[in-house]
Amino acid sequence: MSLSADEVRLVADLARLELSDADVADMATQLSAIVDYINQLQRVNTDGVEPLAHALDLRDVFRDDVLGQSLSADAALANAPARKGDFYRVPPVFGE
């Protein structure tokens, strides 16, 4: 499937990208190749194939989420460059 320049411009507009005419031509070729590959994958027979979350048989490597001792606010903020009460003080973003 070959994408037209107008279709590429529409996709670029949706992605908020500015493309030159040369970029549009390059993107048309590349996006057409991607769409062709997706169409090829859609023709693969997947009857009887179990859905997978991952191609490899991975196990969770994280520890159990158990309740434990927490730091006090003073200990957590001991090295804070600036603090306001029990919070980190950061410079204002939108003014005072």
N, C-alpha and C. Protein backbone atom coordinates (compact mmCIF):
# COMPACT_ATOMS: atom_id res chain seq x y z
N MET A 1 0.85 -1.17 0.00
CA MET A 1 0.00 0.00 0.00
C MET A 1 0.90 1.23 0.00
N SER A 2 0.61 2.12 -0.89
CA SER A 2 1.41 3.34 -0.99
C SER A 2 0.60 4.51 -0.44
N LEU A 3 1.19 5.20 0.54
CA LEU A 3 0.53 6.37 1.11
C LEU A 3 0.79 7.59 0.24
N SER A 4 -0.23 8.40 0.09
CA SER A 4 -0.08 9.62 -0.71
C SER A 4 0.56 10.71 0.15
N ALA A 5 1.02 11.76 -0.50
CA ALA A 5 1.62 12.88 0.21
C ALA A 5 0.60 13.54 1.12
N ASP A 6 -0.66 13.60 0.68
CA ASP A 6 -1.71 14.20 1.52
C ASP A 6 -1.95 13.38 2.79
N GLU A 7 -1.90 12.06 2.66
CA GLU A 7 -2.07 11.21 3.84
C GLU A 7 -0.91 11.39 4.82
N VAL A 8 0.30 11.52 4.29
CA VAL A 8 1.46 11.74 5.15
C VAL A 8 1.35 13.09 5.84
N ARG A 9 0.92 14.09 5.12
CA ARG A 9 0.74 15.42 5.73
C ARG A 9 -0.33 15.38 6.84
N LEU A 10 -1.39 14.60 6.63
CA LEU A 10 -2.43 14.45 7.64
C LEU A 10 -1.86 13.79 8.90
N VAL A 11 -1.09 12.73 8.73
CA VAL A 11 -0.46 12.06 9.87
C VAL A 11 0.50 13.01 10.57
N ALA A 12 1.28 13.74 9.81
CA ALA A 12 2.22 14.70 10.39
C ALA A 12 1.48 15.78 11.16
N ASP A 13 0.36 16.23 10.62
CA ASP A 13 -0.44 17.25 11.30
C ASP A 13 -0.99 16.70 12.61
N LEU A 14 -1.46 15.46 12.60
CA LEU A 14 -1.98 14.84 13.83
C LEU A 14 -0.88 14.69 14.88
N ALA A 15 0.35 14.45 14.42
CA ALA A 15 1.49 14.31 15.33
C ALA A 15 2.13 15.65 15.63
N ARG A 16 1.59 16.71 15.10
CA ARG A 16 2.13 18.06 15.30
C ARG A 16 3.57 18.17 14.81
N LEU A 17 3.82 17.60 13.64
CA LEU A 17 5.14 17.66 13.03
C LEU A 17 5.12 18.56 11.80
N GLU A 18 6.16 19.34 11.63
CA GLU A 18 6.31 20.12 10.42
C GLU A 18 7.27 19.37 9.50
N LEU A 19 6.80 19.06 8.30
CA LEU A 19 7.62 18.33 7.34
C LEU A 19 7.79 19.16 6.08
N SER A 20 9.01 19.17 5.57
CA SER A 20 9.24 19.80 4.28
C SER A 20 8.74 18.85 3.19
N ASP A 21 8.71 19.33 1.94
CA ASP A 21 8.26 18.47 0.84
C ASP A 21 9.17 17.26 0.69
N ALA A 22 10.47 17.45 0.90
CA ALA A 22 11.41 16.33 0.82
C ALA A 22 11.15 15.33 1.94
N ASP A 23 10.84 15.85 3.14
CA ASP A 23 10.52 14.98 4.27
C ASP A 23 9.24 14.20 4.01
N VAL A 24 8.26 14.85 3.39
CA VAL A 24 7.00 14.18 3.08
C VAL A 24 7.25 12.99 2.15
N ALA A 25 8.09 13.18 1.16
CA ALA A 25 8.39 12.10 0.23
C ALA A 25 9.10 10.95 0.95
N ASP A 26 10.06 11.27 1.82
CA ASP A 26 10.77 10.23 2.57
C ASP A 26 9.81 9.49 3.51
N MET A 27 8.97 10.25 4.21
CA MET A 27 8.03 9.65 5.15
C MET A 27 7.01 8.78 4.42
N ALA A 28 6.60 9.20 3.24
CA ALA A 28 5.64 8.40 2.48
C ALA A 28 6.22 7.02 2.19
N THR A 29 7.48 6.98 1.81
CA THR A 29 8.14 5.70 1.54
C THR A 29 8.24 4.87 2.81
N GLN A 30 8.70 5.48 3.89
CA GLN A 30 8.90 4.75 5.14
C GLN A 30 7.58 4.29 5.75
N LEU A 31 6.58 5.16 5.79
CA LEU A 31 5.29 4.78 6.36
C LEU A 31 4.60 3.72 5.51
N SER A 32 4.77 3.79 4.21
CA SER A 32 4.20 2.76 3.33
C SER A 32 4.82 1.41 3.63
N ALA A 33 6.12 1.38 3.88
CA ALA A 33 6.80 0.12 4.22
C ALA A 33 6.28 -0.42 5.55
N ILE A 34 6.04 0.45 6.51
CA ILE A 34 5.52 0.02 7.81
C ILE A 34 4.11 -0.55 7.65
N VAL A 35 3.26 0.14 6.90
CA VAL A 35 1.89 -0.34 6.68
C VAL A 35 1.90 -1.67 5.93
N ASP A 36 2.78 -1.82 4.94
CA ASP A 36 2.90 -3.09 4.22
C ASP A 36 3.30 -4.22 5.16
N TYR A 37 4.21 -3.95 6.08
CA TYR A 37 4.66 -4.97 7.03
C TYR A 37 3.51 -5.35 7.98
N ILE A 38 2.75 -4.37 8.43
CA ILE A 38 1.60 -4.66 9.29
C ILE A 38 0.58 -5.51 8.55
N ASN A 39 0.34 -5.19 7.29
CA ASN A 39 -0.58 -5.99 6.48
C ASN A 39 -0.07 -7.42 6.33
N GLN A 40 1.24 -7.58 6.20
CA GLN A 40 1.84 -8.92 6.10
C GLN A 40 1.63 -9.68 7.42
N LEU A 41 1.80 -9.02 8.54
CA LEU A 41 1.60 -9.67 9.84
C LEU A 41 0.14 -10.06 10.05
N GLN A 42 -0.79 -9.27 9.52
CA GLN A 42 -2.21 -9.58 9.69
C GLN A 42 -2.61 -10.85 8.94
N ARG A 43 -1.82 -11.26 7.96
CA ARG A 43 -2.13 -12.47 7.20
C ARG A 43 -1.62 -13.74 7.88
N VAL A 44 -0.85 -13.60 8.97
CA VAL A 44 -0.31 -14.76 9.67
C VAL A 44 -1.44 -15.46 10.42
N ASN A 45 -1.50 -16.77 10.29
CA ASN A 45 -2.53 -17.57 10.96
C ASN A 45 -2.16 -17.71 12.44
N THR A 46 -2.99 -17.17 13.32
CA THR A 46 -2.72 -17.25 14.75
C THR A 46 -3.77 -18.08 15.48
N ASP A 47 -4.52 -18.92 14.74
CA ASP A 47 -5.52 -19.77 15.37
C ASP A 47 -4.83 -20.73 16.33
N GLY A 48 -5.34 -20.83 17.54
CA GLY A 48 -4.80 -21.74 18.54
C GLY A 48 -3.56 -21.22 19.25
N VAL A 49 -3.17 -20.00 18.98
CA VAL A 49 -2.00 -19.43 19.65
C VAL A 49 -2.48 -18.66 20.87
N GLU A 50 -1.91 -19.00 22.03
CA GLU A 50 -2.28 -18.32 23.27
C GLU A 50 -1.78 -16.88 23.25
N PRO A 51 -2.59 -15.93 23.70
CA PRO A 51 -2.11 -14.55 23.79
C PRO A 51 -0.98 -14.45 24.82
N LEU A 52 -0.01 -13.64 24.52
CA LEU A 52 1.15 -13.47 25.41
C LEU A 52 1.29 -12.02 25.82
N ALA A 53 1.78 -11.81 27.03
CA ALA A 53 2.14 -10.47 27.46
C ALA A 53 3.57 -10.17 27.03
N HIS A 54 4.36 -11.23 26.85
CA HIS A 54 5.76 -11.07 26.47
C HIS A 54 6.19 -12.33 25.73
N ALA A 55 7.10 -12.20 24.80
CA ALA A 55 7.54 -13.34 24.01
C ALA A 55 8.37 -14.33 24.83
N LEU A 56 8.99 -13.87 25.90
CA LEU A 56 9.82 -14.73 26.74
C LEU A 56 9.07 -15.08 28.01
N ASP A 57 9.42 -16.22 28.60
CA ASP A 57 8.81 -16.65 29.84
C ASP A 57 9.52 -15.95 30.99
N LEU A 58 9.07 -14.73 31.30
CA LEU A 58 9.70 -13.93 32.34
C LEU A 58 8.98 -14.10 33.66
N ARG A 59 9.74 -14.00 34.72
CA ARG A 59 9.18 -14.04 36.07
C ARG A 59 9.40 -12.68 36.72
N ASP A 60 8.53 -12.31 37.64
CA ASP A 60 8.65 -11.06 38.36
C ASP A 60 9.88 -11.13 39.27
N VAL A 61 10.80 -10.20 39.11
CA VAL A 61 12.03 -10.22 39.89
C VAL A 61 11.96 -9.28 41.10
N PHE A 62 10.83 -8.65 41.31
CA PHE A 62 10.70 -7.72 42.41
C PHE A 62 10.29 -8.44 43.68
N ARG A 63 10.66 -7.87 44.79
CA ARG A 63 10.27 -8.46 46.08
C ARG A 63 8.79 -8.24 46.31
N ASP A 64 8.24 -8.97 47.25
CA ASP A 64 6.84 -8.79 47.61
C ASP A 64 6.64 -7.40 48.18
N ASP A 65 5.49 -6.83 47.92
CA ASP A 65 5.16 -5.50 48.41
C ASP A 65 4.57 -5.65 49.81
N VAL A 66 5.43 -5.49 50.81
CA VAL A 66 4.99 -5.66 52.19
C VAL A 66 5.18 -4.36 52.95
N LEU A 67 4.34 -4.16 53.94
CA LEU A 67 4.41 -2.97 54.76
C LEU A 67 5.68 -3.02 55.59
N GLY A 68 6.42 -1.92 55.60
CA GLY A 68 7.67 -1.87 56.35
C GLY A 68 7.84 -0.54 57.03
N GLN A 69 8.98 -0.37 57.68
CA GLN A 69 9.29 0.85 58.40
C GLN A 69 9.56 1.97 57.39
N SER A 70 8.96 3.13 57.59
CA SER A 70 9.16 4.28 56.72
C SER A 70 10.07 5.29 57.39
N LEU A 71 10.67 6.15 56.59
CA LEU A 71 11.47 7.23 57.14
C LEU A 71 10.56 8.30 57.73
N SER A 72 11.04 8.94 58.75
CA SER A 72 10.31 10.09 59.27
C SER A 72 10.51 11.25 58.30
N ALA A 73 9.67 12.25 58.40
CA ALA A 73 9.80 13.42 57.52
C ALA A 73 11.15 14.09 57.73
N ASP A 74 11.61 14.18 58.99
CA ASP A 74 12.91 14.80 59.25
C ASP A 74 14.05 14.02 58.61
N ALA A 75 14.01 12.68 58.68
CA ALA A 75 15.06 11.87 58.08
C ALA A 75 15.02 11.97 56.56
N ALA A 76 13.81 11.96 55.98
CA ALA A 76 13.68 12.02 54.52
C ALA A 76 14.14 13.37 53.97
N LEU A 77 13.94 14.43 54.74
CA LEU A 77 14.27 15.77 54.28
C LEU A 77 15.59 16.29 54.85
N ALA A 78 16.36 15.42 55.46
CA ALA A 78 17.60 15.85 56.13
C ALA A 78 18.57 16.53 55.17
N ASN A 79 18.67 16.09 53.94
CA ASN A 79 19.60 16.65 52.98
C ASN A 79 18.94 17.56 51.95
N ALA A 80 17.68 17.92 52.19
CA ALA A 80 16.98 18.78 51.25
C ALA A 80 17.62 20.17 51.24
N PRO A 81 17.87 20.74 50.05
CA PRO A 81 18.47 22.07 50.00
C PRO A 81 17.55 23.14 50.59
N ALA A 82 16.25 22.93 50.47
CA ALA A 82 15.28 23.87 51.05
C ALA A 82 14.05 23.07 51.42
N ARG A 83 13.39 23.50 52.45
CA ARG A 83 12.24 22.74 52.93
C ARG A 83 11.20 23.71 53.46
N LYS A 84 9.95 23.31 53.34
CA LYS A 84 8.84 24.10 53.89
C LYS A 84 7.95 23.12 54.63
N GLY A 85 8.06 23.11 55.94
CA GLY A 85 7.31 22.14 56.74
C GLY A 85 7.83 20.75 56.46
N ASP A 86 6.94 19.84 56.10
CA ASP A 86 7.32 18.46 55.79
C ASP A 86 7.45 18.21 54.29
N PHE A 87 7.77 19.26 53.52
CA PHE A 87 7.85 19.14 52.07
C PHE A 87 9.15 19.74 51.56
N TYR A 88 9.59 19.26 50.37
CA TYR A 88 10.70 19.90 49.68
C TYR A 88 10.23 21.25 49.18
N ARG A 89 11.03 22.26 49.33
CA ARG A 89 10.70 23.58 48.78
C ARG A 89 11.42 23.70 47.45
N VAL A 90 10.67 24.01 46.41
CA VAL A 90 11.24 24.15 45.06
C VAL A 90 10.92 25.56 44.55
N PRO A 91 11.72 26.03 43.61
CA PRO A 91 11.43 27.36 43.06
C PRO A 91 10.07 27.38 42.36
N PRO A 92 9.38 28.48 42.44
CA PRO A 92 8.07 28.56 41.77
C PRO A 92 8.22 28.46 40.26
N VAL A 93 7.26 27.82 39.64
CA VAL A 93 7.27 27.65 38.19
C VAL A 93 6.44 28.75 37.53
N PHE A 94 5.33 29.10 38.13
CA PHE A 94 4.40 30.06 37.55
C PHE A 94 4.40 31.39 38.30
N GLY A 95 5.43 31.68 39.04
CA GLY A 95 5.48 32.92 39.81
C GLY A 95 5.21 32.65 41.28
N GLU A 96 5.29 33.66 42.06
CA GLU A 96 5.13 33.49 43.52
C GLU A 96 3.74 33.12 43.87
